[in-house]
Structure formats: C-alpha cells, structure tokens
Amino acid sequence: MRTAVMPAIVLAALLGVLAQPPARAEVRILASPGGQVGPFLDLFEYVRDSGERVVIDGPCLSACTLVLSVVPGNRICVTRRAVLGFHAARSIDRRGRIYAEPEASEVVLEAYPSRVRSWIRRRGGLTSRLLLLRGRELAAIYPSCR
C-alpha cells in the first residue's frame, strides 16, 4: 500500500509545480558604489532588452542610478533597504585630477524620469555633494517589491 501511494504523491507534487507560472527573472541591486558610465549603460540596456525586472535592494549610487533612465519604470521596484545616490558628472584627467562635467550632468539629469528629476532639482540639482533618495520619498516614486 505504501509503495502505491508514493508515486501518486510524487505525481501530484510534480503536477503542482508544472501548473505554476514560470518565475520572472529579476536583477537585484544589493550594493553598487557606481563607477564608469559606459559599463553601466551597457548592462542596463541588456536588462531593458531582456524584459527582466530590477529590484533595488541596497545602495545604488552614482552611475548605478542610470538604471532609472534606461529600464522602464514599471519594471523597477525598491525594498526598504534601497538608497539612490546622485551627484554631478565628473571625469579624471591623465594626472588623476577630478574635474566637473556640467554638460554631462545636464544630460544625465534630463534623462532621469520626471519625478526623480524634480526631486533632484528641489535639493539644488546635481553638484559634487551626494544626494540620497530613500525611505518614504523613494517609496513615493517607485513601488515596493512584492
């Protein structure tokens, strides 16, 4: 009797798994300090084209925030741990000196979604100072992940 019940249980479990819709793929940002813009744009264009959802689940700073400009907003969600950090564009010359890139900063600012752009402008715009968007203010712009 025990051997006849076991295949039925396994079959029922297998059918239950097969009846479930496939899990959606997602990209989870746990901690990104940013970096050079080019690789981030390449990555986020790939994510955009893949149809994957982006879960921001920790600090997403500097060039990482370009995800907001590349991936459709309806495919981005945030957790309680999410923090977005914005600052002006800057470059480093051959001698290692950092200098501002005001034209690039304006291009980046204009590429952000309007609600993010407005939030940045209300805080003085993109400068060398890091602006952190998190908590209730972030949750008012992007949905919580489910």
N, C-alpha and C. Protein backbone atom coordinates (compact mmCIF):
# COMPACT_ATOMS: atom_id res chain seq x y z
N MET A 1 0.84 -1.17 0.00
CA MET A 1 0.00 0.00 0.00
C MET A 1 0.89 1.25 0.00
N ARG A 2 1.91 1.25 0.80
CA ARG A 2 2.79 2.40 0.91
C ARG A 2 3.46 2.70 -0.43
N THR A 3 3.88 1.72 -1.18
CA THR A 3 4.54 1.94 -2.46
C THR A 3 3.56 2.47 -3.51
N ALA A 4 2.29 2.13 -3.44
CA ALA A 4 1.30 2.62 -4.40
C ALA A 4 0.96 4.09 -4.13
N VAL A 5 1.02 4.53 -2.89
CA VAL A 5 0.68 5.91 -2.54
C VAL A 5 1.82 6.85 -2.92
N MET A 6 3.06 6.39 -2.78
CA MET A 6 4.21 7.25 -3.02
C MET A 6 4.24 7.80 -4.45
N PRO A 7 4.05 7.01 -5.51
CA PRO A 7 4.05 7.57 -6.86
C PRO A 7 2.92 8.58 -7.06
N ALA A 8 1.79 8.38 -6.43
CA ALA A 8 0.67 9.31 -6.56
C ALA A 8 1.03 10.65 -5.92
N ILE A 9 1.71 10.63 -4.79
CA ILE A 9 2.12 11.87 -4.12
C ILE A 9 3.16 12.60 -4.96
N VAL A 10 4.13 11.86 -5.50
CA VAL A 10 5.15 12.47 -6.33
C VAL A 10 4.52 13.07 -7.59
N LEU A 11 3.59 12.35 -8.22
CA LEU A 11 2.91 12.84 -9.41
C LEU A 11 2.10 14.10 -9.08
N ALA A 12 1.39 14.11 -7.97
CA ALA A 12 0.61 15.28 -7.57
C ALA A 12 1.52 16.48 -7.33
N ALA A 13 2.66 16.26 -6.68
CA ALA A 13 3.60 17.35 -6.44
C ALA A 13 4.17 17.88 -7.74
N LEU A 14 4.51 16.97 -8.66
CA LEU A 14 5.06 17.37 -9.95
C LEU A 14 4.03 18.17 -10.74
N LEU A 15 2.79 17.74 -10.76
CA LEU A 15 1.74 18.47 -11.46
C LEU A 15 1.53 19.84 -10.83
N GLY A 16 1.64 19.93 -9.52
CA GLY A 16 1.52 21.22 -8.85
C GLY A 16 2.62 22.18 -9.27
N VAL A 17 3.84 21.67 -9.41
CA VAL A 17 4.95 22.51 -9.85
C VAL A 17 4.76 22.93 -11.30
N LEU A 18 4.34 22.01 -12.16
CA LEU A 18 4.15 22.32 -13.56
C LEU A 18 3.02 23.32 -13.78
N ALA A 19 2.04 23.32 -12.89
CA ALA A 19 0.90 24.22 -13.03
C ALA A 19 1.26 25.66 -12.64
N GLN A 20 2.37 25.84 -11.94
CA GLN A 20 2.78 27.18 -11.52
C GLN A 20 3.33 27.95 -12.71
N PRO A 21 3.02 29.24 -12.80
CA PRO A 21 3.63 30.02 -13.88
C PRO A 21 5.13 30.12 -13.66
N PRO A 22 5.90 30.23 -14.73
CA PRO A 22 7.36 30.33 -14.56
C PRO A 22 7.72 31.59 -13.78
N ALA A 23 8.76 31.48 -12.99
CA ALA A 23 9.22 32.63 -12.20
C ALA A 23 9.80 33.68 -13.14
N ARG A 24 9.51 34.93 -12.87
CA ARG A 24 10.07 36.01 -13.68
C ARG A 24 11.50 36.24 -13.24
N ALA A 25 12.33 36.47 -14.22
CA ALA A 25 13.72 36.76 -13.91
C ALA A 25 13.83 38.18 -13.37
N GLU A 26 14.79 38.38 -12.52
CA GLU A 26 15.00 39.72 -11.98
C GLU A 26 16.48 39.97 -11.76
N VAL A 27 16.83 41.22 -11.77
CA VAL A 27 18.18 41.67 -11.43
C VAL A 27 18.05 42.39 -10.10
N ARG A 28 18.85 41.98 -9.14
CA ARG A 28 18.77 42.55 -7.79
C ARG A 28 20.04 43.35 -7.54
N ILE A 29 19.86 44.65 -7.26
CA ILE A 29 20.98 45.51 -6.93
C ILE A 29 21.10 45.54 -5.42
N LEU A 30 22.16 44.93 -4.90
CA LEU A 30 22.37 44.84 -3.45
C LEU A 30 23.25 45.96 -2.93
N ALA A 31 24.27 46.33 -3.68
CA ALA A 31 25.17 47.40 -3.28
C ALA A 31 26.05 47.76 -4.46
N SER A 32 25.87 48.97 -4.98
CA SER A 32 26.70 49.42 -6.08
C SER A 32 27.19 50.83 -5.80
N PRO A 33 28.52 51.00 -5.72
CA PRO A 33 29.06 52.33 -5.50
C PRO A 33 29.12 53.16 -6.77
N GLY A 34 28.76 52.56 -7.90
CA GLY A 34 28.84 53.27 -9.17
C GLY A 34 30.13 52.94 -9.88
N GLY A 35 30.58 53.86 -10.71
CA GLY A 35 31.79 53.63 -11.49
C GLY A 35 31.67 54.33 -12.83
N GLN A 36 32.38 53.81 -13.81
CA GLN A 36 32.33 54.40 -15.15
C GLN A 36 30.95 54.20 -15.76
N VAL A 37 30.49 55.21 -16.46
CA VAL A 37 29.14 55.21 -17.01
C VAL A 37 28.94 54.14 -18.08
N GLY A 38 29.90 53.97 -18.98
CA GLY A 38 29.75 53.06 -20.12
C GLY A 38 29.32 51.65 -19.76
N PRO A 39 30.02 50.97 -18.86
CA PRO A 39 29.62 49.61 -18.50
C PRO A 39 28.22 49.54 -17.88
N PHE A 40 27.85 50.55 -17.11
CA PHE A 40 26.50 50.56 -16.52
C PHE A 40 25.44 50.71 -17.61
N LEU A 41 25.69 51.60 -18.57
CA LEU A 41 24.72 51.76 -19.66
C LEU A 41 24.58 50.46 -20.45
N ASP A 42 25.70 49.79 -20.72
CA ASP A 42 25.65 48.51 -21.44
C ASP A 42 24.84 47.48 -20.66
N LEU A 43 25.11 47.37 -19.37
CA LEU A 43 24.40 46.41 -18.53
C LEU A 43 22.90 46.71 -18.49
N PHE A 44 22.54 47.97 -18.27
CA PHE A 44 21.13 48.31 -18.13
C PHE A 44 20.39 48.22 -19.47
N GLU A 45 21.07 48.45 -20.58
CA GLU A 45 20.44 48.23 -21.89
C GLU A 45 20.15 46.75 -22.08
N TYR A 46 21.08 45.90 -21.66
CA TYR A 46 20.87 44.45 -21.73
C TYR A 46 19.66 44.05 -20.87
N VAL A 47 19.61 44.57 -19.66
CA VAL A 47 18.49 44.26 -18.75
C VAL A 47 17.18 44.76 -19.36
N ARG A 48 17.19 45.98 -19.89
CA ARG A 48 15.98 46.52 -20.52
C ARG A 48 15.50 45.59 -21.64
N ASP A 49 16.42 45.18 -22.50
CA ASP A 49 16.05 44.34 -23.65
C ASP A 49 15.64 42.94 -23.24
N SER A 50 16.10 42.47 -22.09
CA SER A 50 15.77 41.12 -21.61
C SER A 50 14.36 41.02 -21.05
N GLY A 51 13.80 42.16 -20.65
CA GLY A 51 12.48 42.15 -20.03
C GLY A 51 12.51 41.86 -18.54
N GLU A 52 13.69 41.71 -17.97
CA GLU A 52 13.81 41.42 -16.54
C GLU A 52 13.42 42.61 -15.69
N ARG A 53 12.95 42.30 -14.50
CA ARG A 53 12.61 43.32 -13.52
C ARG A 53 13.86 43.67 -12.71
N VAL A 54 13.96 44.91 -12.26
CA VAL A 54 15.08 45.35 -11.43
C VAL A 54 14.57 45.60 -10.02
N VAL A 55 15.20 44.92 -9.07
CA VAL A 55 14.89 45.09 -7.65
C VAL A 55 16.06 45.85 -7.03
N ILE A 56 15.80 47.06 -6.57
CA ILE A 56 16.85 47.82 -5.90
C ILE A 56 16.71 47.52 -4.41
N ASP A 57 17.72 46.81 -3.88
CA ASP A 57 17.65 46.26 -2.53
C ASP A 57 18.85 46.68 -1.68
N GLY A 58 19.35 47.87 -1.94
CA GLY A 58 20.50 48.38 -1.21
C GLY A 58 20.97 49.64 -1.88
N PRO A 59 22.18 50.10 -1.56
CA PRO A 59 22.69 51.33 -2.17
C PRO A 59 22.93 51.18 -3.67
N CYS A 60 22.42 52.11 -4.43
CA CYS A 60 22.63 52.21 -5.89
C CYS A 60 23.08 53.65 -6.10
N LEU A 61 24.39 53.83 -6.18
CA LEU A 61 24.97 55.17 -6.17
C LEU A 61 25.57 55.53 -7.52
N SER A 62 25.61 56.83 -7.78
CA SER A 62 26.33 57.38 -8.91
C SER A 62 25.85 56.76 -10.23
N ALA A 63 26.75 56.15 -11.00
CA ALA A 63 26.38 55.60 -12.31
C ALA A 63 25.32 54.50 -12.22
N CYS A 64 25.20 53.86 -11.09
CA CYS A 64 24.17 52.83 -10.90
C CYS A 64 22.77 53.41 -11.10
N THR A 65 22.59 54.69 -10.74
CA THR A 65 21.26 55.31 -10.86
C THR A 65 20.81 55.46 -12.30
N LEU A 66 21.71 55.23 -13.25
CA LEU A 66 21.32 55.28 -14.66
C LEU A 66 20.29 54.21 -14.99
N VAL A 67 20.15 53.22 -14.13
CA VAL A 67 19.10 52.22 -14.32
C VAL A 67 17.74 52.90 -14.46
N LEU A 68 17.55 54.00 -13.76
CA LEU A 68 16.27 54.71 -13.79
C LEU A 68 16.01 55.33 -15.16
N SER A 69 17.07 55.62 -15.90
CA SER A 69 16.96 56.24 -17.21
C SER A 69 16.83 55.22 -18.33
N VAL A 70 17.28 54.00 -18.09
CA VAL A 70 17.34 53.01 -19.16
C VAL A 70 16.23 51.97 -19.07
N VAL A 71 15.99 51.44 -17.89
CA VAL A 71 14.97 50.40 -17.70
C VAL A 71 13.63 51.09 -17.44
N PRO A 72 12.57 50.63 -18.10
CA PRO A 72 11.25 51.25 -17.87
C PRO A 72 10.87 51.23 -16.39
N GLY A 73 10.30 52.33 -15.93
CA GLY A 73 9.94 52.47 -14.52
C GLY A 73 8.99 51.42 -14.01
N ASN A 74 8.15 50.87 -14.88
CA ASN A 74 7.20 49.84 -14.44
C ASN A 74 7.89 48.50 -14.21
N ARG A 75 9.18 48.42 -14.48
CA ARG A 75 9.94 47.20 -14.21
C ARG A 75 10.98 47.42 -13.12
N ILE A 76 10.84 48.50 -12.36
CA ILE A 76 11.76 48.80 -11.25
C ILE A 76 10.94 48.84 -9.97
N CYS A 77 11.45 48.17 -8.94
CA CYS A 77 10.83 48.27 -7.62
C CYS A 77 11.94 48.43 -6.59
N VAL A 78 11.56 48.86 -5.39
CA VAL A 78 12.53 49.13 -4.34
C VAL A 78 12.12 48.41 -3.05
N THR A 79 13.12 48.07 -2.25
CA THR A 79 12.88 47.50 -0.93
C THR A 79 13.13 48.58 0.12
N ARG A 80 12.93 48.23 1.38
CA ARG A 80 13.20 49.16 2.47
C ARG A 80 14.66 49.55 2.55
N ARG A 81 15.54 48.68 2.04
CA ARG A 81 16.99 48.94 2.10
C ARG A 81 17.49 49.79 0.93
N ALA A 82 16.65 50.08 -0.04
CA ALA A 82 17.09 50.81 -1.24
C ALA A 82 17.47 52.25 -0.92
N VAL A 83 18.57 52.67 -1.53
CA VAL A 83 19.05 54.05 -1.44
C VAL A 83 19.61 54.42 -2.81
N LEU A 84 19.15 55.54 -3.35
CA LEU A 84 19.69 56.03 -4.62
C LEU A 84 20.55 57.25 -4.32
N GLY A 85 21.76 57.28 -4.86
CA GLY A 85 22.68 58.38 -4.62
C GLY A 85 23.06 59.08 -5.91
N PHE A 86 22.82 60.39 -5.97
CA PHE A 86 23.04 61.19 -7.17
C PHE A 86 24.10 62.27 -6.92
N HIS A 87 24.93 62.53 -7.93
CA HIS A 87 25.87 63.65 -7.88
C HIS A 87 26.17 64.08 -9.30
N ALA A 88 26.84 65.21 -9.45
CA ALA A 88 27.20 65.73 -10.77
C ALA A 88 28.20 64.80 -11.45
N ALA A 89 28.19 64.82 -12.76
CA ALA A 89 29.16 64.04 -13.54
C ALA A 89 30.54 64.65 -13.35
N ARG A 90 31.51 63.77 -13.36
CA ARG A 90 32.89 64.24 -13.24
C ARG A 90 33.81 63.27 -13.98
N SER A 91 34.96 63.77 -14.33
CA SER A 91 35.96 62.97 -15.04
C SER A 91 37.29 63.12 -14.33
N ILE A 92 38.20 62.23 -14.70
CA ILE A 92 39.55 62.26 -14.14
C ILE A 92 40.52 62.39 -15.32
N ASP A 93 41.41 63.39 -15.24
CA ASP A 93 42.37 63.56 -16.33
C ASP A 93 43.55 62.61 -16.15
N ARG A 94 44.50 62.69 -17.06
CA ARG A 94 45.65 61.78 -17.06
C ARG A 94 46.52 61.92 -15.81
N ARG A 95 46.45 63.07 -15.18
CA ARG A 95 47.24 63.29 -13.97
C ARG A 95 46.47 62.90 -12.71
N GLY A 96 45.26 62.38 -12.88
CA GLY A 96 44.47 61.95 -11.74
C GLY A 96 43.63 63.03 -11.10
N ARG A 97 43.58 64.21 -11.74
CA ARG A 97 42.78 65.31 -11.21
C ARG A 97 41.32 65.12 -11.61
N ILE A 98 40.43 65.38 -10.66
CA ILE A 98 38.99 65.26 -10.91
C ILE A 98 38.47 66.63 -11.32
N TYR A 99 37.65 66.64 -12.34
CA TYR A 99 37.04 67.90 -12.76
C TYR A 99 35.58 67.69 -13.13
N ALA A 100 34.81 68.75 -12.97
CA ALA A 100 33.36 68.71 -13.21
C ALA A 100 33.07 68.62 -14.71
N GLU A 101 31.95 68.00 -15.02
CA GLU A 101 31.45 67.87 -16.40
C GLU A 101 30.02 68.41 -16.42
N PRO A 102 29.85 69.76 -16.41
CA PRO A 102 28.50 70.32 -16.31
C PRO A 102 27.56 69.92 -17.46
N GLU A 103 28.08 69.82 -18.68
CA GLU A 103 27.22 69.42 -19.80
C GLU A 103 26.72 67.99 -19.62
N ALA A 104 27.61 67.11 -19.20
CA ALA A 104 27.23 65.71 -18.97
C ALA A 104 26.23 65.62 -17.82
N SER A 105 26.43 66.44 -16.79
CA SER A 105 25.48 66.45 -15.66
C SER A 105 24.08 66.83 -16.13
N GLU A 106 23.99 67.81 -17.00
CA GLU A 106 22.68 68.23 -17.51
C GLU A 106 22.03 67.14 -18.36
N VAL A 107 22.82 66.46 -19.17
CA VAL A 107 22.29 65.35 -19.99
C VAL A 107 21.76 64.24 -19.09
N VAL A 108 22.53 63.88 -18.07
CA VAL A 108 22.10 62.84 -17.14
C VAL A 108 20.83 63.25 -16.41
N LEU A 109 20.80 64.48 -15.92
CA LEU A 109 19.61 64.95 -15.20
C LEU A 109 18.37 64.88 -16.08
N GLU A 110 18.48 65.30 -17.31
CA GLU A 110 17.34 65.29 -18.23
C GLU A 110 16.90 63.86 -18.58
N ALA A 111 17.80 62.90 -18.46
CA ALA A 111 17.46 61.51 -18.78
C ALA A 111 16.68 60.82 -17.67
N TYR A 112 16.79 61.33 -16.43
CA TYR A 112 16.06 60.71 -15.34
C TYR A 112 14.56 60.93 -15.52
N PRO A 113 13.74 60.02 -14.98
CA PRO A 113 12.29 60.22 -15.00
C PRO A 113 11.92 61.54 -14.32
N SER A 114 10.83 62.15 -14.74
CA SER A 114 10.47 63.50 -14.28
C SER A 114 10.37 63.61 -12.76
N ARG A 115 9.83 62.61 -12.08
CA ARG A 115 9.69 62.71 -10.62
C ARG A 115 11.05 62.68 -9.92
N VAL A 116 11.98 61.92 -10.46
CA VAL A 116 13.34 61.89 -9.90
C VAL A 116 14.03 63.22 -10.21
N ARG A 117 13.89 63.69 -11.43
CA ARG A 117 14.47 64.97 -11.83
C ARG A 117 13.97 66.10 -10.93
N SER A 118 12.67 66.12 -10.67
CA SER A 118 12.09 67.16 -9.80
C SER A 118 12.65 67.06 -8.39
N TRP A 119 12.77 65.83 -7.88
CA TRP A 119 13.32 65.63 -6.53
C TRP A 119 14.74 66.20 -6.46
N ILE A 120 15.56 65.91 -7.47
CA ILE A 120 16.95 66.39 -7.50
C ILE A 120 16.97 67.92 -7.57
N ARG A 121 16.15 68.50 -8.42
CA ARG A 121 16.13 69.97 -8.56
C ARG A 121 15.69 70.65 -7.27
N ARG A 122 14.73 70.07 -6.56
CA ARG A 122 14.28 70.66 -5.29
C ARG A 122 15.40 70.67 -4.24
N ARG A 123 16.40 69.85 -4.43
CA ARG A 123 17.53 69.78 -3.49
C ARG A 123 18.78 70.48 -4.02
N GLY A 124 18.61 71.33 -5.02
CA GLY A 124 19.73 72.11 -5.51
C GLY A 124 20.39 71.59 -6.77
N GLY A 125 19.89 70.51 -7.34
CA GLY A 125 20.46 69.97 -8.58
C GLY A 125 21.64 69.05 -8.33
N LEU A 126 22.24 68.62 -9.43
CA LEU A 126 23.40 67.74 -9.35
C LEU A 126 24.65 68.57 -9.09
N THR A 127 25.28 68.33 -7.96
CA THR A 127 26.52 69.02 -7.57
C THR A 127 27.51 67.96 -7.12
N SER A 128 28.62 68.39 -6.57
CA SER A 128 29.61 67.43 -6.06
C SER A 128 29.11 66.72 -4.80
N ARG A 129 28.09 67.31 -4.18
CA ARG A 129 27.51 66.72 -2.96
C ARG A 129 26.60 65.55 -3.34
N LEU A 130 26.68 64.45 -2.62
CA LEU A 130 25.86 63.28 -2.88
C LEU A 130 24.46 63.48 -2.29
N LEU A 131 23.44 63.38 -3.15
CA LEU A 131 22.04 63.46 -2.71
C LEU A 131 21.51 62.04 -2.57
N LEU A 132 20.92 61.71 -1.42
CA LEU A 132 20.42 60.37 -1.16
C LEU A 132 18.90 60.36 -1.15
N LEU A 133 18.32 59.56 -2.03
CA LEU A 133 16.87 59.38 -2.11
C LEU A 133 16.56 58.01 -1.53
N ARG A 134 15.77 58.00 -0.46
CA ARG A 134 15.46 56.74 0.22
C ARG A 134 14.18 56.88 1.01
N GLY A 135 13.79 55.80 1.66
CA GLY A 135 12.65 55.81 2.56
C GLY A 135 11.35 56.22 1.89
N ARG A 136 10.58 57.02 2.60
CA ARG A 136 9.25 57.43 2.10
C ARG A 136 9.32 58.19 0.79
N GLU A 137 10.35 59.03 0.65
CA GLU A 137 10.47 59.80 -0.59
C GLU A 137 10.69 58.88 -1.78
N LEU A 138 11.50 57.86 -1.61
CA LEU A 138 11.73 56.90 -2.69
C LEU A 138 10.48 56.06 -2.94
N ALA A 139 9.83 55.64 -1.87
CA ALA A 139 8.61 54.83 -2.00
C ALA A 139 7.47 55.60 -2.67
N ALA A 140 7.53 56.93 -2.62
CA ALA A 140 6.51 57.74 -3.29
C ALA A 140 6.73 57.77 -4.81
N ILE A 141 7.93 57.39 -5.24
CA ILE A 141 8.25 57.43 -6.67
C ILE A 141 8.23 56.04 -7.29
N TYR A 142 8.76 55.04 -6.59
CA TYR A 142 8.85 53.67 -7.11
C TYR A 142 8.10 52.71 -6.18
N PRO A 143 7.45 51.71 -6.75
CA PRO A 143 6.69 50.77 -5.91
C PRO A 143 7.59 49.86 -5.09
N SER A 144 7.06 49.39 -4.00
CA SER A 144 7.75 48.39 -3.18
C SER A 144 7.73 47.06 -3.91
N CYS A 145 8.79 46.31 -3.75
CA CYS A 145 8.86 44.99 -4.39
C CYS A 145 7.96 44.03 -3.66
N ARG A 146 7.36 43.15 -4.40
CA ARG A 146 6.46 42.14 -3.83
C ARG A 146 7.10 40.78 -3.90
